[in-house]
N, C-alpha and C. Protein backbone atom coordinates (compact mmCIF):
# COMPACT_ATOMS: atom_id res chain seq x y z
N MET A 1 58.10 -32.09 55.42
CA MET A 1 57.02 -31.98 56.36
C MET A 1 56.06 -30.85 55.98
N LYS A 2 56.60 -29.68 55.53
CA LYS A 2 55.76 -28.57 55.12
C LYS A 2 54.88 -28.98 53.95
N ALA A 3 55.42 -29.72 53.00
CA ALA A 3 54.65 -30.16 51.85
C ALA A 3 53.50 -31.06 52.30
N PHE A 4 53.73 -31.90 53.32
CA PHE A 4 52.69 -32.79 53.83
C PHE A 4 51.51 -31.98 54.38
N PHE A 5 51.82 -30.95 55.20
CA PHE A 5 50.75 -30.12 55.78
C PHE A 5 50.02 -29.31 54.71
N ALA A 6 50.78 -28.81 53.72
CA ALA A 6 50.14 -28.07 52.64
C ALA A 6 49.21 -28.97 51.85
N THR A 7 49.64 -30.20 51.61
CA THR A 7 48.80 -31.15 50.88
C THR A 7 47.55 -31.48 51.68
N LEU A 8 47.69 -31.59 52.98
CA LEU A 8 46.57 -31.89 53.86
C LEU A 8 45.64 -30.67 54.00
N ALA A 9 46.20 -29.48 54.04
CA ALA A 9 45.41 -28.27 54.27
C ALA A 9 44.60 -27.85 53.05
N LEU A 10 45.10 -28.06 51.85
CA LEU A 10 44.39 -27.60 50.66
C LEU A 10 42.98 -28.17 50.54
N PRO A 11 42.78 -29.50 50.71
CA PRO A 11 41.39 -29.99 50.63
C PRO A 11 40.51 -29.43 51.74
N LEU A 12 41.08 -29.20 52.92
CA LEU A 12 40.29 -28.63 54.02
C LEU A 12 39.89 -27.20 53.71
N LEU A 13 40.82 -26.41 53.15
CA LEU A 13 40.48 -25.03 52.77
C LEU A 13 39.43 -25.01 51.68
N ALA A 14 39.54 -25.91 50.72
CA ALA A 14 38.55 -25.97 49.64
C ALA A 14 37.18 -26.32 50.18
N ALA A 15 37.13 -27.22 51.14
CA ALA A 15 35.85 -27.62 51.73
C ALA A 15 35.24 -26.49 52.54
N ALA A 16 36.08 -25.65 53.15
CA ALA A 16 35.58 -24.56 53.97
C ALA A 16 35.13 -23.36 53.13
N ALA A 17 35.62 -23.24 51.90
CA ALA A 17 35.26 -22.11 51.05
C ALA A 17 33.80 -22.21 50.65
N PRO A 18 33.12 -21.09 50.53
CA PRO A 18 31.72 -21.15 50.11
C PRO A 18 31.61 -21.68 48.69
N ALA A 19 30.59 -22.48 48.48
CA ALA A 19 30.35 -23.04 47.15
C ALA A 19 29.92 -21.93 46.21
N PRO A 20 30.32 -22.01 44.94
CA PRO A 20 29.86 -20.99 44.00
C PRO A 20 28.34 -21.04 43.90
N GLN A 21 27.72 -19.88 43.85
CA GLN A 21 26.27 -19.80 43.77
C GLN A 21 25.82 -19.98 42.32
N ALA A 22 24.83 -20.81 42.13
CA ALA A 22 24.26 -20.96 40.80
C ALA A 22 23.47 -19.69 40.49
N THR A 23 23.63 -19.17 39.30
CA THR A 23 22.89 -17.97 38.92
C THR A 23 22.07 -18.28 37.69
N ASP A 24 20.92 -17.66 37.62
CA ASP A 24 20.06 -17.81 36.47
C ASP A 24 20.34 -16.62 35.57
N ALA A 25 20.92 -16.86 34.41
CA ALA A 25 21.30 -15.77 33.51
C ALA A 25 20.10 -15.13 32.83
N ASN A 26 18.93 -15.73 32.96
CA ASN A 26 17.74 -15.18 32.30
C ASN A 26 16.51 -15.46 33.17
N PRO A 27 16.41 -14.79 34.32
CA PRO A 27 15.30 -15.06 35.24
C PRO A 27 14.06 -14.25 34.90
N PRO A 28 12.90 -14.60 35.49
CA PRO A 28 11.77 -13.67 35.47
C PRO A 28 12.23 -12.41 36.22
N PHE A 29 11.66 -11.25 35.89
CA PHE A 29 12.13 -10.03 36.54
C PHE A 29 11.05 -8.96 36.56
N SER A 30 11.19 -8.05 37.52
CA SER A 30 10.38 -6.84 37.56
C SER A 30 11.29 -5.69 37.11
N VAL A 31 10.70 -4.53 36.86
CA VAL A 31 11.48 -3.40 36.36
C VAL A 31 11.31 -2.20 37.29
N MET A 32 12.43 -1.57 37.58
CA MET A 32 12.43 -0.32 38.36
C MET A 32 13.12 0.75 37.51
N ALA A 33 12.50 1.93 37.44
CA ALA A 33 13.06 3.05 36.68
C ALA A 33 14.18 3.71 37.47
N ILE A 34 15.27 3.99 36.77
CA ILE A 34 16.37 4.72 37.38
C ILE A 34 16.60 5.99 36.55
N ARG A 35 16.38 7.12 37.19
CA ARG A 35 16.69 8.43 36.61
C ARG A 35 16.84 9.39 37.78
N SER A 36 18.08 9.62 38.16
CA SER A 36 18.38 10.45 39.33
C SER A 36 17.71 11.81 39.25
N ALA A 37 17.35 12.31 40.41
CA ALA A 37 16.78 13.65 40.58
C ALA A 37 15.57 13.88 39.68
N SER A 38 14.74 12.85 39.57
CA SER A 38 13.51 12.99 38.77
C SER A 38 12.34 12.39 39.54
N PRO A 39 11.12 12.72 39.15
CA PRO A 39 9.96 12.15 39.85
C PRO A 39 9.76 10.65 39.58
N ILE A 40 10.44 10.08 38.60
CA ILE A 40 10.26 8.65 38.30
C ILE A 40 11.35 7.77 38.92
N HIS A 41 12.34 8.37 39.55
CA HIS A 41 13.46 7.61 40.11
C HIS A 41 12.96 6.57 41.13
N TYR A 42 13.33 5.34 40.93
CA TYR A 42 12.97 4.18 41.78
C TYR A 42 11.51 3.75 41.65
N MET A 43 10.77 4.25 40.68
CA MET A 43 9.38 3.79 40.50
C MET A 43 9.36 2.41 39.85
N GLN A 44 8.44 1.58 40.30
CA GLN A 44 8.23 0.25 39.72
C GLN A 44 7.40 0.36 38.45
N MET A 45 7.68 -0.50 37.48
CA MET A 45 6.87 -0.55 36.27
C MET A 45 5.70 -1.51 36.51
N ASN A 46 4.49 -1.03 36.20
CA ASN A 46 3.27 -1.80 36.44
C ASN A 46 2.50 -2.02 35.15
N ALA A 47 1.87 -3.19 35.05
CA ALA A 47 1.01 -3.52 33.91
C ALA A 47 -0.43 -3.20 34.28
N ALA A 48 -1.11 -2.48 33.41
CA ALA A 48 -2.53 -2.16 33.62
C ALA A 48 -3.12 -1.67 32.30
N GLY A 49 -4.28 -2.18 31.94
CA GLY A 49 -4.96 -1.72 30.74
C GLY A 49 -4.21 -2.00 29.45
N GLN A 50 -3.49 -3.10 29.40
CA GLN A 50 -2.68 -3.54 28.26
C GLN A 50 -1.53 -2.59 27.95
N LYS A 51 -1.14 -1.76 28.91
CA LYS A 51 0.00 -0.84 28.79
C LYS A 51 0.86 -0.97 30.04
N PHE A 52 2.01 -0.28 30.03
CA PHE A 52 2.91 -0.28 31.18
C PHE A 52 3.06 1.14 31.70
N TRP A 53 3.18 1.24 33.02
CA TRP A 53 3.16 2.54 33.70
C TRP A 53 4.20 2.57 34.80
N LEU A 54 4.68 3.76 35.11
CA LEU A 54 5.42 4.02 36.34
C LEU A 54 4.44 4.77 37.22
N GLY A 55 4.25 4.29 38.42
CA GLY A 55 3.21 4.85 39.28
C GLY A 55 1.94 4.05 39.09
N GLY A 56 0.98 4.27 39.93
CA GLY A 56 -0.25 3.48 39.86
C GLY A 56 -0.02 2.08 40.39
N LYS A 57 -0.96 1.19 40.08
CA LYS A 57 -0.89 -0.18 40.59
C LYS A 57 -1.02 -1.18 39.46
N THR A 58 -0.48 -2.36 39.71
CA THR A 58 -0.64 -3.46 38.77
C THR A 58 -2.10 -3.87 38.74
N SER A 59 -2.61 -4.15 37.56
CA SER A 59 -3.99 -4.62 37.40
C SER A 59 -3.96 -6.07 36.93
N SER A 60 -4.59 -6.95 37.68
CA SER A 60 -4.60 -8.37 37.32
C SER A 60 -5.99 -8.96 37.55
N TYR A 61 -6.17 -10.17 37.06
CA TYR A 61 -7.46 -10.85 37.17
C TYR A 61 -7.21 -12.34 37.34
N CYS A 62 -8.08 -12.98 38.12
CA CYS A 62 -8.02 -14.42 38.28
C CYS A 62 -9.44 -14.96 38.40
N PRO A 63 -9.83 -15.90 37.52
CA PRO A 63 -11.18 -16.46 37.59
C PRO A 63 -11.29 -17.47 38.73
N THR A 64 -11.86 -17.05 39.85
CA THR A 64 -11.92 -17.92 41.03
C THR A 64 -12.73 -19.18 40.79
N GLU A 65 -13.63 -19.16 39.81
CA GLU A 65 -14.39 -20.38 39.52
C GLU A 65 -13.53 -21.43 38.79
N VAL A 66 -12.38 -21.00 38.26
CA VAL A 66 -11.47 -21.92 37.55
C VAL A 66 -10.25 -22.24 38.40
N VAL A 67 -9.73 -21.24 39.08
CA VAL A 67 -8.49 -21.38 39.84
C VAL A 67 -8.81 -21.34 41.33
N GLN A 68 -8.41 -22.39 42.04
CA GLN A 68 -8.69 -22.46 43.47
C GLN A 68 -7.82 -21.50 44.28
N ASP A 69 -6.53 -21.49 43.98
CA ASP A 69 -5.59 -20.64 44.70
C ASP A 69 -4.99 -19.63 43.74
N CYS A 70 -5.62 -18.49 43.64
CA CYS A 70 -5.15 -17.46 42.72
C CYS A 70 -3.85 -16.84 43.22
N PRO A 71 -2.91 -16.59 42.30
CA PRO A 71 -1.71 -15.83 42.70
C PRO A 71 -2.13 -14.42 43.12
N PRO A 72 -1.31 -13.74 43.92
CA PRO A 72 -1.70 -12.42 44.42
C PRO A 72 -1.95 -11.38 43.33
N GLY A 73 -1.17 -11.41 42.24
CA GLY A 73 -1.38 -10.47 41.15
C GLY A 73 -1.13 -9.02 41.49
N ASN A 74 -0.30 -8.76 42.50
CA ASN A 74 -0.09 -7.37 42.93
C ASN A 74 1.25 -6.79 42.49
N GLN A 75 2.01 -7.54 41.69
CA GLN A 75 3.25 -7.00 41.14
C GLN A 75 3.42 -7.45 39.70
N THR A 76 4.06 -6.62 38.92
CA THR A 76 4.27 -6.92 37.50
C THR A 76 5.62 -7.60 37.32
N VAL A 77 5.59 -8.79 36.73
CA VAL A 77 6.81 -9.55 36.49
C VAL A 77 6.82 -10.01 35.04
N LEU A 78 7.95 -9.81 34.39
CA LEU A 78 8.13 -10.25 33.02
C LEU A 78 8.75 -11.64 33.02
N ALA A 79 8.37 -12.45 32.05
CA ALA A 79 8.93 -13.79 31.90
C ALA A 79 10.38 -13.67 31.42
N PRO A 80 11.19 -14.71 31.58
CA PRO A 80 12.58 -14.66 31.12
C PRO A 80 12.68 -14.13 29.69
N GLY A 81 13.59 -13.19 29.48
CA GLY A 81 13.79 -12.58 28.18
C GLY A 81 13.04 -11.28 28.00
N GLY A 82 11.91 -11.11 28.70
CA GLY A 82 11.16 -9.87 28.66
C GLY A 82 10.22 -9.71 27.48
N ASN A 83 9.96 -10.79 26.73
CA ASN A 83 9.04 -10.70 25.60
C ASN A 83 7.62 -11.13 25.95
N ALA A 84 7.40 -11.48 27.21
CA ALA A 84 6.07 -11.89 27.68
C ALA A 84 5.98 -11.59 29.17
N LEU A 85 4.75 -11.61 29.68
CA LEU A 85 4.53 -11.46 31.11
C LEU A 85 4.57 -12.83 31.77
N ASP A 86 4.96 -12.86 33.04
CA ASP A 86 5.06 -14.11 33.80
C ASP A 86 3.68 -14.41 34.39
N VAL A 87 2.88 -15.20 33.65
CA VAL A 87 1.50 -15.46 34.03
C VAL A 87 1.18 -16.95 33.93
N GLU A 88 0.06 -17.34 34.56
CA GLU A 88 -0.42 -18.72 34.50
C GLU A 88 -1.42 -18.95 33.37
N VAL A 89 -2.07 -17.91 32.88
CA VAL A 89 -3.14 -18.06 31.90
C VAL A 89 -2.63 -18.82 30.67
N PRO A 90 -3.40 -19.82 30.20
CA PRO A 90 -2.98 -20.56 29.00
C PRO A 90 -2.76 -19.62 27.81
N GLY A 91 -1.67 -19.82 27.12
CA GLY A 91 -1.33 -18.97 25.98
C GLY A 91 -0.47 -17.78 26.35
N GLY A 92 -0.43 -17.42 27.62
CA GLY A 92 0.40 -16.31 28.09
C GLY A 92 -0.05 -14.96 27.59
N GLN A 93 0.77 -13.97 27.83
CA GLN A 93 0.53 -12.60 27.39
C GLN A 93 1.83 -12.02 26.86
N GLN A 94 1.86 -11.70 25.57
CA GLN A 94 3.05 -11.22 24.91
C GLN A 94 3.24 -9.73 25.12
N VAL A 95 4.50 -9.30 25.21
CA VAL A 95 4.85 -7.88 25.33
C VAL A 95 5.31 -7.40 23.96
N TYR A 96 4.90 -6.19 23.58
CA TYR A 96 5.28 -5.63 22.29
C TYR A 96 5.30 -4.10 22.39
N VAL A 97 5.83 -3.46 21.36
CA VAL A 97 5.78 -2.00 21.28
C VAL A 97 4.78 -1.66 20.19
N ALA A 98 3.72 -0.95 20.56
CA ALA A 98 2.65 -0.55 19.63
C ALA A 98 3.18 0.48 18.63
N PRO A 99 2.49 0.65 17.51
CA PRO A 99 2.93 1.65 16.53
C PRO A 99 3.09 3.06 17.12
N SER A 100 2.37 3.38 18.18
CA SER A 100 2.50 4.68 18.85
C SER A 100 3.81 4.79 19.63
N GLY A 101 4.46 3.65 19.87
CA GLY A 101 5.66 3.62 20.69
C GLY A 101 5.39 3.13 22.10
N ALA A 102 4.11 2.95 22.47
CA ALA A 102 3.74 2.52 23.82
C ALA A 102 4.15 1.07 24.07
N LEU A 103 4.82 0.82 25.19
CA LEU A 103 5.11 -0.54 25.61
C LEU A 103 3.78 -1.16 26.04
N SER A 104 3.41 -2.28 25.44
CA SER A 104 2.07 -2.84 25.59
C SER A 104 2.13 -4.34 25.78
N PHE A 105 0.97 -4.94 26.13
CA PHE A 105 0.88 -6.39 26.23
C PHE A 105 -0.47 -6.86 25.74
N THR A 106 -0.51 -8.11 25.29
CA THR A 106 -1.74 -8.67 24.74
C THR A 106 -2.73 -9.00 25.84
N GLN A 107 -3.99 -8.98 25.46
CA GLN A 107 -5.07 -9.43 26.34
C GLN A 107 -4.93 -10.94 26.52
N ALA A 108 -5.32 -11.44 27.66
CA ALA A 108 -5.29 -12.90 27.88
C ALA A 108 -6.17 -13.59 26.86
N HIS A 109 -5.79 -14.78 26.46
CA HIS A 109 -6.52 -15.61 25.50
C HIS A 109 -6.55 -15.00 24.10
N SER A 110 -5.63 -14.07 23.83
CA SER A 110 -5.61 -13.45 22.51
C SER A 110 -4.16 -13.20 22.10
N ALA A 111 -3.85 -13.49 20.88
CA ALA A 111 -2.52 -13.19 20.34
C ALA A 111 -2.59 -11.95 19.46
N ASN A 112 -3.69 -11.20 19.56
CA ASN A 112 -3.91 -10.03 18.71
C ASN A 112 -2.95 -8.91 19.08
N ILE A 113 -2.12 -8.55 18.09
CA ILE A 113 -1.18 -7.44 18.23
C ILE A 113 -1.46 -6.50 17.07
N PRO A 114 -1.58 -5.19 17.31
CA PRO A 114 -1.89 -4.26 16.22
C PRO A 114 -0.85 -4.34 15.09
N PRO A 115 -1.31 -4.27 13.84
CA PRO A 115 -0.38 -4.27 12.72
C PRO A 115 0.62 -3.12 12.86
N GLY A 116 1.86 -3.39 12.49
CA GLY A 116 2.91 -2.38 12.59
C GLY A 116 3.60 -2.33 13.92
N SER A 117 3.22 -3.21 14.86
CA SER A 117 3.86 -3.25 16.18
C SER A 117 5.21 -3.96 16.08
N ALA A 118 6.09 -3.67 17.02
CA ALA A 118 7.38 -4.36 17.12
C ALA A 118 7.26 -5.47 18.14
N VAL A 119 7.49 -6.70 17.71
CA VAL A 119 7.45 -7.83 18.64
C VAL A 119 8.86 -8.30 18.97
N GLY A 120 9.85 -7.72 18.37
CA GLY A 120 11.24 -8.02 18.68
C GLY A 120 11.92 -6.76 19.21
N GLY A 121 13.17 -6.89 19.53
CA GLY A 121 13.94 -5.75 20.01
C GLY A 121 13.90 -5.53 21.50
N LEU A 122 13.00 -6.24 22.21
CA LEU A 122 12.96 -6.17 23.68
C LEU A 122 14.00 -7.15 24.20
N THR A 123 14.88 -6.67 25.09
CA THR A 123 16.00 -7.49 25.51
C THR A 123 16.25 -7.39 27.01
N TYR A 124 16.49 -8.54 27.61
CA TYR A 124 16.99 -8.61 28.99
C TYR A 124 18.51 -8.69 28.87
N GLN A 125 19.22 -7.76 29.51
CA GLN A 125 20.67 -7.73 29.45
C GLN A 125 21.23 -8.02 30.84
N PRO A 126 21.76 -9.25 31.05
CA PRO A 126 22.33 -9.56 32.36
C PRO A 126 23.55 -8.69 32.63
N GLY A 127 23.74 -8.35 33.87
CA GLY A 127 24.89 -7.53 34.24
C GLY A 127 25.26 -7.72 35.69
N GLN A 128 26.40 -7.21 36.05
CA GLN A 128 26.88 -7.25 37.42
C GLN A 128 27.20 -5.84 37.85
N PRO A 129 26.65 -5.26 38.85
CA PRO A 129 25.69 -5.92 39.73
C PRO A 129 24.25 -5.83 39.23
N TRP A 130 23.95 -5.01 38.21
CA TRP A 130 22.57 -4.80 37.80
C TRP A 130 22.33 -5.28 36.39
N SER A 131 21.16 -5.86 36.19
CA SER A 131 20.72 -6.24 34.85
C SER A 131 19.75 -5.17 34.36
N HIS A 132 19.53 -5.13 33.04
CA HIS A 132 18.66 -4.10 32.46
C HIS A 132 17.72 -4.70 31.43
N TYR A 133 16.65 -4.00 31.20
CA TYR A 133 15.65 -4.33 30.18
C TYR A 133 15.66 -3.17 29.20
N THR A 134 15.66 -3.47 27.91
CA THR A 134 15.75 -2.39 26.94
C THR A 134 15.00 -2.72 25.66
N PHE A 135 14.78 -1.69 24.86
CA PHE A 135 14.21 -1.84 23.52
C PHE A 135 15.10 -1.08 22.56
N ASN A 136 15.55 -1.77 21.51
CA ASN A 136 16.44 -1.14 20.54
C ASN A 136 15.88 -1.17 19.13
N GLY A 137 14.59 -1.43 18.97
CA GLY A 137 13.98 -1.39 17.64
C GLY A 137 13.65 0.04 17.24
N TRP A 138 13.38 0.24 15.97
CA TRP A 138 12.92 1.53 15.43
C TRP A 138 13.85 2.69 15.77
N GLY A 139 15.11 2.42 16.02
CA GLY A 139 16.05 3.49 16.35
C GLY A 139 15.92 4.00 17.76
N ALA A 140 15.15 3.31 18.61
CA ALA A 140 14.96 3.74 20.00
C ALA A 140 16.21 3.45 20.81
N SER A 141 16.35 4.17 21.89
CA SER A 141 17.48 3.96 22.80
C SER A 141 16.94 3.61 24.19
N GLY A 142 16.20 2.53 24.28
CA GLY A 142 15.63 2.12 25.56
C GLY A 142 14.21 2.61 25.73
N PHE A 143 13.90 3.09 26.94
CA PHE A 143 12.55 3.50 27.29
C PHE A 143 12.51 4.94 27.78
N MET A 144 11.30 5.50 27.72
CA MET A 144 11.04 6.81 28.32
C MET A 144 9.68 6.74 29.00
N ALA A 145 9.50 7.60 29.99
CA ALA A 145 8.23 7.68 30.71
C ALA A 145 7.61 9.03 30.42
N CYS A 146 6.32 8.99 30.05
CA CYS A 146 5.63 10.21 29.64
C CYS A 146 4.49 10.50 30.62
N PRO A 147 4.40 11.75 31.10
CA PRO A 147 3.38 12.09 32.10
C PRO A 147 1.97 11.99 31.52
N THR A 148 1.04 11.61 32.40
CA THR A 148 -0.37 11.52 32.02
C THR A 148 -1.19 12.41 32.95
N SER A 149 -2.45 12.59 32.64
CA SER A 149 -3.31 13.47 33.45
C SER A 149 -3.69 12.84 34.79
N ASP A 150 -3.42 11.54 34.98
CA ASP A 150 -3.80 10.88 36.24
C ASP A 150 -2.60 10.59 37.15
N ASN A 151 -1.54 11.38 37.02
CA ASN A 151 -0.35 11.30 37.88
C ASN A 151 0.43 9.99 37.73
N ARG A 152 0.27 9.32 36.61
CA ARG A 152 1.12 8.18 36.29
C ARG A 152 2.02 8.60 35.13
N TRP A 153 2.97 7.75 34.82
CA TRP A 153 3.87 7.96 33.70
C TRP A 153 3.75 6.73 32.80
N GLN A 154 3.35 6.93 31.55
CA GLN A 154 3.23 5.81 30.63
C GLN A 154 4.59 5.51 30.01
N VAL A 155 4.89 4.21 29.87
CA VAL A 155 6.18 3.78 29.33
C VAL A 155 6.10 3.64 27.81
N PHE A 156 7.05 4.26 27.14
CA PHE A 156 7.17 4.23 25.68
C PHE A 156 8.59 3.84 25.29
N ALA A 157 8.75 3.38 24.05
CA ALA A 157 10.08 3.26 23.48
C ALA A 157 10.64 4.67 23.36
N ALA A 158 11.90 4.86 23.69
CA ALA A 158 12.52 6.19 23.64
C ALA A 158 12.83 6.55 22.18
N MET A 159 11.82 7.10 21.50
CA MET A 159 11.98 7.50 20.10
C MET A 159 11.31 8.83 19.87
N LYS A 160 11.84 9.60 18.95
CA LYS A 160 11.40 10.97 18.72
C LYS A 160 9.98 11.09 18.18
N ASN A 161 9.51 10.07 17.47
CA ASN A 161 8.18 10.19 16.84
C ASN A 161 7.10 9.40 17.58
N ALA A 162 7.29 9.11 18.87
CA ALA A 162 6.26 8.42 19.65
C ALA A 162 5.04 9.33 19.80
N THR A 163 3.86 8.71 19.87
CA THR A 163 2.62 9.44 20.08
C THR A 163 2.31 9.36 21.58
N VAL A 164 2.70 10.40 22.30
CA VAL A 164 2.65 10.39 23.76
C VAL A 164 1.41 11.13 24.27
N PRO A 165 1.00 10.89 25.53
CA PRO A 165 -0.23 11.49 26.06
C PRO A 165 -0.31 13.01 25.94
N SER A 166 0.78 13.72 26.19
CA SER A 166 0.74 15.19 26.14
C SER A 166 0.87 15.71 24.71
N GLY A 167 1.25 14.84 23.78
CA GLY A 167 1.48 15.27 22.41
C GLY A 167 2.87 15.82 22.18
N ASN A 168 3.69 15.90 23.23
CA ASN A 168 5.03 16.48 23.13
C ASN A 168 6.06 15.53 23.74
N VAL A 169 6.88 14.92 22.90
CA VAL A 169 7.88 13.94 23.38
C VAL A 169 8.87 14.59 24.34
N SER A 170 9.08 15.89 24.24
CA SER A 170 10.03 16.54 25.15
C SER A 170 9.53 16.57 26.60
N ASP A 171 8.25 16.24 26.82
CA ASP A 171 7.73 16.13 28.19
C ASP A 171 8.16 14.82 28.85
N CYS A 172 8.64 13.87 28.07
CA CYS A 172 8.98 12.54 28.56
C CYS A 172 10.40 12.51 29.13
N LEU A 173 10.63 11.55 30.02
CA LEU A 173 11.94 11.37 30.64
C LEU A 173 12.50 10.00 30.27
N GLY A 174 13.66 9.98 29.65
CA GLY A 174 14.33 8.71 29.41
C GLY A 174 14.76 8.11 30.73
N PHE A 175 14.76 6.79 30.81
CA PHE A 175 15.19 6.16 32.06
C PHE A 175 15.87 4.83 31.78
N SER A 176 16.68 4.42 32.73
CA SER A 176 17.29 3.10 32.69
C SER A 176 16.34 2.13 33.37
N ALA A 177 15.98 1.06 32.66
CA ALA A 177 15.03 0.07 33.20
C ALA A 177 15.83 -1.04 33.89
N MET A 178 16.01 -0.90 35.19
CA MET A 178 16.75 -1.90 35.95
C MET A 178 15.88 -3.15 36.11
N ALA A 179 16.43 -4.29 35.72
CA ALA A 179 15.72 -5.57 35.81
C ALA A 179 16.08 -6.24 37.13
N LEU A 180 15.09 -6.42 37.99
CA LEU A 180 15.29 -7.02 39.30
C LEU A 180 14.81 -8.46 39.28
N PRO A 181 15.71 -9.44 39.45
CA PRO A 181 15.31 -10.85 39.38
C PRO A 181 14.17 -11.15 40.35
N TYR A 182 13.24 -11.96 39.88
CA TYR A 182 12.08 -12.35 40.69
C TYR A 182 12.22 -13.83 41.02
N LYS A 183 12.05 -14.14 42.29
CA LYS A 183 12.07 -15.53 42.73
C LYS A 183 10.75 -15.80 43.42
N GLY A 184 10.16 -16.91 43.11
CA GLY A 184 8.90 -17.24 43.73
C GLY A 184 7.94 -17.83 42.72
N GLU A 185 6.73 -18.04 43.18
CA GLU A 185 5.69 -18.59 42.32
C GLU A 185 5.30 -17.59 41.24
N VAL A 186 4.64 -18.08 40.20
CA VAL A 186 4.15 -17.17 39.16
C VAL A 186 3.28 -16.12 39.85
N PRO A 187 3.53 -14.82 39.59
CA PRO A 187 2.90 -13.76 40.37
C PRO A 187 1.45 -13.43 40.03
N ALA A 188 0.97 -13.84 38.83
CA ALA A 188 -0.41 -13.46 38.45
C ALA A 188 -1.00 -14.51 37.52
N TRP A 189 -2.33 -14.65 37.57
CA TRP A 189 -3.01 -15.51 36.61
C TRP A 189 -2.95 -14.81 35.24
N GLN A 190 -3.38 -13.55 35.22
CA GLN A 190 -3.26 -12.73 34.01
C GLN A 190 -3.24 -11.28 34.44
N TYR A 191 -2.65 -10.45 33.59
CA TYR A 191 -2.67 -9.01 33.81
C TYR A 191 -3.81 -8.42 32.99
N ALA A 192 -4.44 -7.42 33.54
CA ALA A 192 -5.62 -6.83 32.88
C ALA A 192 -5.40 -5.36 32.57
């Protein structure tokens, strides 16, 4: 009799258990800087002027004469893998590390990347509970944020010979780039 109830109860317990959640191992994502007890802790990474910044605002553009319903363009989101921005503009916008070490992106409608730039080495690393974005080219160990005269921090590959705004790499702060999955419509037509 006990075996009968156990046989009957198992399918009922299985039906009552929550279904496993489907996860996207490589989603679009935004980036938040993690560096405890620093001025950049919890700052969002923003695209503006073909560079990336902590602080300031995302800069985007949408041609209203072409697009009827422009995406808001108020947050920076990287496409799956982190080698491009999540945009609607035809041809997309590629992410790269400039010869100076600055994390950069291409202008819309252009694949022009300065000679000597790194177009590889940018990686989305899934994790539990947190995923990360990193750069391991040129001997770098991820990213660093370097102070600028306008109270923003420019994002660079964390390397000793980067050409940073102050001229002194020791002014920069290394940080962990936490990748926060993005769900929703494409966030921008193009970043500017």
